[in-house]
Amino acid sequence: MDTILSKVEELSGENLYACYQCGKCSAGCPMVEQMDFLPNQIILLIIRGDNSVVESKTPWVCAQCYQCGVRCPKNVDITKIMEALRLLKLRKNVDYIKISGMKKNLPQIAVVSASRKYTG
């Protein structure tokens, strides 16, 4: 049985058990004000097997600035973990909009952008 931990570790190539929750990643994150969970909390939730972490907005807010990985004393690359969570969400193939039901007079760039963001 694949757990969220095994999926994230496989996709990211990171050992989440290396994190000992010092919080340096969260202290240096420039986007932490916008996150619903701090980066170190995301790791803890994954280790605990909490699948709701995939629905969190934190992986999408992550700026991929690598500030967290630079500060980590155990060299855990949290940006790879955030990318793995985004991939898990995208792999669900959930369509949030129906292209066929859209208005006909929308700008093409809006339709293309929405189809990339909201369809699986």
N, C-alpha and C. Protein backbone atom coordinates (compact mmCIF):
# COMPACT_ATOMS: atom_id res chain seq x y z
N MET A 1 0.84 -1.18 0.00
CA MET A 1 0.00 0.00 0.00
C MET A 1 0.88 1.25 0.00
N ASP A 2 0.69 2.09 -1.01
CA ASP A 2 1.47 3.31 -1.11
C ASP A 2 0.92 4.36 -0.15
N THR A 3 1.78 4.86 0.68
CA THR A 3 1.40 5.93 1.59
C THR A 3 1.85 7.25 0.99
N ILE A 4 1.35 8.33 1.53
CA ILE A 4 1.76 9.66 1.07
C ILE A 4 3.27 9.82 1.25
N LEU A 5 3.81 9.26 2.33
CA LEU A 5 5.25 9.36 2.59
C LEU A 5 6.05 8.67 1.49
N SER A 6 5.66 7.46 1.14
CA SER A 6 6.42 6.73 0.12
C SER A 6 6.30 7.40 -1.24
N LYS A 7 5.14 7.96 -1.55
CA LYS A 7 4.96 8.65 -2.83
C LYS A 7 5.83 9.90 -2.90
N VAL A 8 5.82 10.69 -1.83
CA VAL A 8 6.61 11.93 -1.82
C VAL A 8 8.10 11.62 -1.85
N GLU A 9 8.52 10.61 -1.09
CA GLU A 9 9.94 10.25 -1.10
C GLU A 9 10.38 9.75 -2.47
N GLU A 10 9.51 9.00 -3.14
CA GLU A 10 9.85 8.49 -4.47
C GLU A 10 9.95 9.63 -5.49
N LEU A 11 8.98 10.54 -5.46
CA LEU A 11 8.98 11.64 -6.42
C LEU A 11 10.08 12.66 -6.16
N SER A 12 10.36 12.93 -4.89
CA SER A 12 11.33 13.98 -4.55
C SER A 12 12.76 13.46 -4.43
N GLY A 13 12.89 12.19 -4.09
CA GLY A 13 14.23 11.65 -3.85
C GLY A 13 14.81 12.08 -2.52
N GLU A 14 13.99 12.62 -1.65
CA GLU A 14 14.43 13.11 -0.34
C GLU A 14 14.01 12.16 0.78
N ASN A 15 14.84 12.10 1.81
CA ASN A 15 14.53 11.34 3.01
C ASN A 15 13.87 12.28 4.01
N LEU A 16 12.57 12.17 4.17
CA LEU A 16 11.86 13.09 5.05
C LEU A 16 12.17 12.86 6.52
N TYR A 17 12.62 11.66 6.85
CA TYR A 17 12.98 11.38 8.24
C TYR A 17 14.27 12.09 8.66
N ALA A 18 14.99 12.65 7.72
CA ALA A 18 16.20 13.41 8.06
C ALA A 18 15.84 14.72 8.75
N CYS A 19 14.64 15.21 8.49
CA CYS A 19 14.19 16.46 9.11
C CYS A 19 13.93 16.24 10.60
N TYR A 20 14.57 17.06 11.43
CA TYR A 20 14.31 16.94 12.86
C TYR A 20 13.56 18.15 13.42
N GLN A 21 12.82 18.83 12.55
CA GLN A 21 11.89 19.89 12.94
C GLN A 21 12.54 21.06 13.67
N CYS A 22 13.69 21.50 13.19
CA CYS A 22 14.35 22.65 13.81
C CYS A 22 13.65 23.96 13.46
N GLY A 23 12.96 24.00 12.31
CA GLY A 23 12.20 25.18 11.92
C GLY A 23 12.99 26.24 11.16
N LYS A 24 14.26 25.96 10.84
CA LYS A 24 15.06 26.95 10.11
C LYS A 24 14.52 27.19 8.71
N CYS A 25 13.93 26.17 8.11
CA CYS A 25 13.34 26.34 6.77
C CYS A 25 12.18 27.33 6.83
N SER A 26 11.37 27.21 7.84
CA SER A 26 10.21 28.10 7.98
C SER A 26 10.63 29.52 8.35
N ALA A 27 11.69 29.61 9.15
CA ALA A 27 12.16 30.93 9.58
C ALA A 27 12.72 31.74 8.41
N GLY A 28 13.26 31.07 7.40
CA GLY A 28 13.85 31.78 6.28
C GLY A 28 12.95 31.91 5.07
N CYS A 29 11.75 31.35 5.12
CA CYS A 29 10.87 31.34 3.96
C CYS A 29 10.23 32.72 3.75
N PRO A 30 10.41 33.31 2.56
CA PRO A 30 9.80 34.62 2.31
C PRO A 30 8.29 34.55 2.06
N MET A 31 7.76 33.37 1.82
CA MET A 31 6.33 33.22 1.50
C MET A 31 5.52 32.66 2.66
N VAL A 32 6.12 32.50 3.82
CA VAL A 32 5.47 31.84 4.95
C VAL A 32 4.18 32.53 5.39
N GLU A 33 4.08 33.84 5.18
CA GLU A 33 2.87 34.57 5.56
C GLU A 33 1.64 34.11 4.77
N GLN A 34 1.86 33.60 3.56
CA GLN A 34 0.77 33.19 2.68
C GLN A 34 0.42 31.71 2.81
N MET A 35 1.23 30.95 3.52
CA MET A 35 1.06 29.50 3.60
C MET A 35 0.07 29.11 4.70
N ASP A 36 -0.66 28.02 4.47
CA ASP A 36 -1.54 27.52 5.52
C ASP A 36 -0.78 26.59 6.47
N PHE A 37 0.29 25.95 5.99
CA PHE A 37 1.18 25.16 6.84
C PHE A 37 2.61 25.61 6.58
N LEU A 38 3.41 25.67 7.63
CA LEU A 38 4.83 25.99 7.47
C LEU A 38 5.54 24.83 6.78
N PRO A 39 6.67 25.08 6.12
CA PRO A 39 7.39 24.00 5.45
C PRO A 39 7.73 22.82 6.36
N ASN A 40 8.17 23.09 7.58
CA ASN A 40 8.49 21.97 8.49
C ASN A 40 7.22 21.23 8.92
N GLN A 41 6.09 21.93 8.99
CA GLN A 41 4.83 21.27 9.31
C GLN A 41 4.37 20.37 8.17
N ILE A 42 4.64 20.77 6.95
CA ILE A 42 4.30 19.94 5.78
C ILE A 42 5.03 18.60 5.89
N ILE A 43 6.31 18.65 6.21
CA ILE A 43 7.09 17.41 6.34
C ILE A 43 6.52 16.55 7.45
N LEU A 44 6.19 17.15 8.59
CA LEU A 44 5.63 16.40 9.71
C LEU A 44 4.29 15.75 9.34
N LEU A 45 3.44 16.48 8.63
CA LEU A 45 2.15 15.93 8.21
C LEU A 45 2.33 14.76 7.24
N ILE A 46 3.30 14.87 6.35
CA ILE A 46 3.56 13.77 5.42
C ILE A 46 4.04 12.54 6.18
N ILE A 47 4.95 12.72 7.12
CA ILE A 47 5.46 11.60 7.92
C ILE A 47 4.33 10.94 8.70
N ARG A 48 3.40 11.74 9.20
CA ARG A 48 2.26 11.20 9.95
C ARG A 48 1.21 10.54 9.06
N GLY A 49 1.37 10.69 7.73
CA GLY A 49 0.44 10.05 6.80
C GLY A 49 -0.82 10.83 6.55
N ASP A 50 -0.79 12.13 6.78
CA ASP A 50 -1.97 12.98 6.59
C ASP A 50 -2.11 13.33 5.11
N ASN A 51 -3.05 12.71 4.42
CA ASN A 51 -3.24 12.93 2.99
C ASN A 51 -3.82 14.31 2.66
N SER A 52 -4.33 15.00 3.65
CA SER A 52 -4.90 16.33 3.39
C SER A 52 -3.82 17.33 2.99
N VAL A 53 -2.57 16.98 3.19
CA VAL A 53 -1.47 17.88 2.84
C VAL A 53 -1.43 18.12 1.32
N VAL A 54 -1.96 17.19 0.55
CA VAL A 54 -2.01 17.35 -0.91
C VAL A 54 -2.96 18.49 -1.28
N GLU A 55 -3.98 18.71 -0.48
CA GLU A 55 -4.96 19.77 -0.74
C GLU A 55 -4.52 21.12 -0.17
N SER A 56 -3.40 21.17 0.49
CA SER A 56 -2.89 22.40 1.09
C SER A 56 -2.50 23.40 0.02
N LYS A 57 -2.55 24.67 0.34
CA LYS A 57 -2.11 25.68 -0.63
C LYS A 57 -0.61 25.95 -0.53
N THR A 58 0.04 25.45 0.51
CA THR A 58 1.47 25.70 0.71
C THR A 58 2.35 25.30 -0.47
N PRO A 59 2.19 24.11 -1.06
CA PRO A 59 3.05 23.77 -2.21
C PRO A 59 2.89 24.72 -3.39
N TRP A 60 1.72 25.30 -3.53
CA TRP A 60 1.47 26.22 -4.65
C TRP A 60 1.99 27.61 -4.36
N VAL A 61 2.10 27.96 -3.08
CA VAL A 61 2.61 29.27 -2.69
C VAL A 61 4.14 29.28 -2.70
N CYS A 62 4.75 28.13 -2.52
CA CYS A 62 6.21 28.01 -2.49
C CYS A 62 6.83 28.67 -3.72
N ALA A 63 7.77 29.58 -3.50
CA ALA A 63 8.39 30.34 -4.58
C ALA A 63 9.58 29.62 -5.20
N GLN A 64 9.92 28.43 -4.69
CA GLN A 64 11.07 27.67 -5.20
C GLN A 64 12.34 28.52 -5.16
N CYS A 65 12.53 29.28 -4.09
CA CYS A 65 13.69 30.16 -3.96
C CYS A 65 14.89 29.44 -3.34
N TYR A 66 14.69 28.23 -2.83
CA TYR A 66 15.72 27.37 -2.23
C TYR A 66 16.29 27.92 -0.91
N GLN A 67 15.64 28.93 -0.36
CA GLN A 67 16.09 29.48 0.92
C GLN A 67 15.99 28.43 2.03
N CYS A 68 14.96 27.61 1.98
CA CYS A 68 14.76 26.57 2.99
C CYS A 68 15.87 25.52 2.93
N GLY A 69 16.21 25.08 1.73
CA GLY A 69 17.23 24.07 1.57
C GLY A 69 18.61 24.55 1.97
N VAL A 70 18.87 25.83 1.72
CA VAL A 70 20.16 26.41 2.11
C VAL A 70 20.30 26.47 3.62
N ARG A 71 19.21 26.73 4.31
CA ARG A 71 19.25 26.86 5.77
C ARG A 71 19.19 25.51 6.51
N CYS A 72 18.76 24.47 5.82
CA CYS A 72 18.56 23.18 6.48
C CYS A 72 19.88 22.55 6.90
N PRO A 73 20.05 22.25 8.19
CA PRO A 73 21.30 21.63 8.65
C PRO A 73 21.46 20.18 8.20
N LYS A 74 20.36 19.56 7.76
CA LYS A 74 20.40 18.16 7.30
C LYS A 74 20.31 18.05 5.78
N ASN A 75 20.37 19.20 5.10
CA ASN A 75 20.33 19.26 3.62
C ASN A 75 19.09 18.61 3.01
N VAL A 76 17.95 18.78 3.66
CA VAL A 76 16.69 18.31 3.09
C VAL A 76 16.23 19.38 2.10
N ASP A 77 16.05 18.99 0.85
CA ASP A 77 15.63 19.93 -0.19
C ASP A 77 14.10 20.00 -0.19
N ILE A 78 13.57 20.96 0.52
CA ILE A 78 12.13 21.08 0.69
C ILE A 78 11.46 21.50 -0.62
N THR A 79 12.17 22.18 -1.48
CA THR A 79 11.57 22.56 -2.77
C THR A 79 11.22 21.32 -3.59
N LYS A 80 12.01 20.27 -3.49
CA LYS A 80 11.68 19.02 -4.18
C LYS A 80 10.44 18.37 -3.56
N ILE A 81 10.28 18.50 -2.26
CA ILE A 81 9.11 17.95 -1.58
C ILE A 81 7.85 18.70 -2.00
N MET A 82 7.95 20.02 -2.10
CA MET A 82 6.81 20.83 -2.55
C MET A 82 6.44 20.48 -3.99
N GLU A 83 7.45 20.27 -4.82
CA GLU A 83 7.18 19.88 -6.21
C GLU A 83 6.50 18.51 -6.26
N ALA A 84 6.91 17.59 -5.41
CA ALA A 84 6.28 16.27 -5.37
C ALA A 84 4.82 16.39 -4.97
N LEU A 85 4.51 17.26 -4.02
CA LEU A 85 3.11 17.46 -3.61
C LEU A 85 2.29 18.06 -4.74
N ARG A 86 2.87 18.98 -5.48
CA ARG A 86 2.16 19.55 -6.63
C ARG A 86 1.89 18.47 -7.67
N LEU A 87 2.86 17.61 -7.91
CA LEU A 87 2.68 16.52 -8.87
C LEU A 87 1.57 15.56 -8.44
N LEU A 88 1.53 15.25 -7.15
CA LEU A 88 0.47 14.36 -6.65
C LEU A 88 -0.91 14.98 -6.87
N LYS A 89 -1.01 16.27 -6.67
CA LYS A 89 -2.29 16.96 -6.88
C LYS A 89 -2.65 16.95 -8.36
N LEU A 90 -1.69 17.23 -9.24
CA LEU A 90 -1.96 17.27 -10.67
C LEU A 90 -2.28 15.90 -11.23
N ARG A 91 -1.73 14.85 -10.63
CA ARG A 91 -1.96 13.50 -11.13
C ARG A 91 -3.36 12.98 -10.82
N LYS A 92 -4.11 13.70 -10.03
CA LYS A 92 -5.48 13.27 -9.73
C LYS A 92 -6.40 13.46 -10.92
N ASN A 93 -5.96 14.23 -11.92
CA ASN A 93 -6.74 14.48 -13.13
C ASN A 93 -8.15 14.98 -12.86
N VAL A 94 -8.26 15.95 -12.00
CA VAL A 94 -9.56 16.54 -11.70
C VAL A 94 -9.76 17.77 -12.57
N ASP A 95 -10.83 17.81 -13.32
CA ASP A 95 -11.15 18.96 -14.14
C ASP A 95 -12.04 19.90 -13.34
N TYR A 96 -11.54 21.11 -13.09
CA TYR A 96 -12.30 22.08 -12.32
C TYR A 96 -13.16 22.97 -13.21
N ILE A 97 -12.88 22.96 -14.50
CA ILE A 97 -13.73 23.70 -15.43
C ILE A 97 -14.01 22.80 -16.63
N LYS A 98 -15.07 23.11 -17.34
CA LYS A 98 -15.43 22.41 -18.57
C LYS A 98 -15.22 23.38 -19.73
N ILE A 99 -14.29 23.09 -20.58
CA ILE A 99 -13.97 23.97 -21.71
C ILE A 99 -15.19 24.16 -22.60
N SER A 100 -15.95 23.10 -22.80
CA SER A 100 -17.11 23.19 -23.69
C SER A 100 -18.18 24.14 -23.14
N GLY A 101 -18.20 24.37 -21.86
CA GLY A 101 -19.21 25.22 -21.26
C GLY A 101 -18.80 26.67 -21.11
N MET A 102 -17.62 27.01 -21.61
CA MET A 102 -17.13 28.39 -21.48
C MET A 102 -17.79 29.30 -22.51
N LYS A 103 -17.83 30.57 -22.20
CA LYS A 103 -18.38 31.56 -23.13
C LYS A 103 -17.54 31.61 -24.39
N LYS A 104 -18.16 31.96 -25.48
CA LYS A 104 -17.47 31.96 -26.78
C LYS A 104 -16.58 33.18 -26.99
N ASN A 105 -16.83 34.28 -26.30
CA ASN A 105 -16.11 35.52 -26.57
C ASN A 105 -14.97 35.80 -25.58
N LEU A 106 -14.43 34.80 -24.95
CA LEU A 106 -13.31 34.98 -24.03
C LEU A 106 -12.00 35.10 -24.80
N PRO A 107 -11.04 35.86 -24.28
CA PRO A 107 -9.73 35.94 -24.94
C PRO A 107 -9.06 34.57 -24.95
N GLN A 108 -8.39 34.25 -26.05
CA GLN A 108 -7.76 32.94 -26.19
C GLN A 108 -6.76 32.67 -25.07
N ILE A 109 -6.00 33.68 -24.69
CA ILE A 109 -4.99 33.48 -23.66
C ILE A 109 -5.63 33.08 -22.33
N ALA A 110 -6.82 33.60 -22.04
CA ALA A 110 -7.52 33.24 -20.82
C ALA A 110 -7.97 31.78 -20.85
N VAL A 111 -8.44 31.35 -22.02
CA VAL A 111 -8.90 29.97 -22.17
C VAL A 111 -7.72 29.01 -22.03
N VAL A 112 -6.60 29.33 -22.67
CA VAL A 112 -5.41 28.48 -22.59
C VAL A 112 -4.89 28.42 -21.18
N SER A 113 -4.79 29.56 -20.52
CA SER A 113 -4.31 29.61 -19.15
C SER A 113 -5.20 28.82 -18.20
N ALA A 114 -6.51 29.00 -18.33
CA ALA A 114 -7.45 28.29 -17.46
C ALA A 114 -7.39 26.79 -17.71
N SER A 115 -7.24 26.39 -18.97
CA SER A 115 -7.19 24.95 -19.25
C SER A 115 -5.94 24.32 -18.68
N ARG A 116 -4.85 25.06 -18.64
CA ARG A 116 -3.62 24.52 -18.06
C ARG A 116 -3.70 24.43 -16.54
N LYS A 117 -4.35 25.38 -15.92
CA LYS A 117 -4.41 25.41 -14.47
C LYS A 117 -5.50 24.52 -13.89
N TYR A 118 -6.64 24.46 -14.55
CA TYR A 118 -7.81 23.88 -13.91
C TYR A 118 -8.31 22.58 -14.51
N THR A 119 -7.59 22.01 -15.45
CA THR A 119 -8.01 20.73 -15.99
C THR A 119 -6.90 19.71 -15.81
N GLY A 120 -7.28 18.46 -15.64
CA GLY A 120 -6.30 17.41 -15.37
C GLY A 120 -5.83 16.72 -16.51
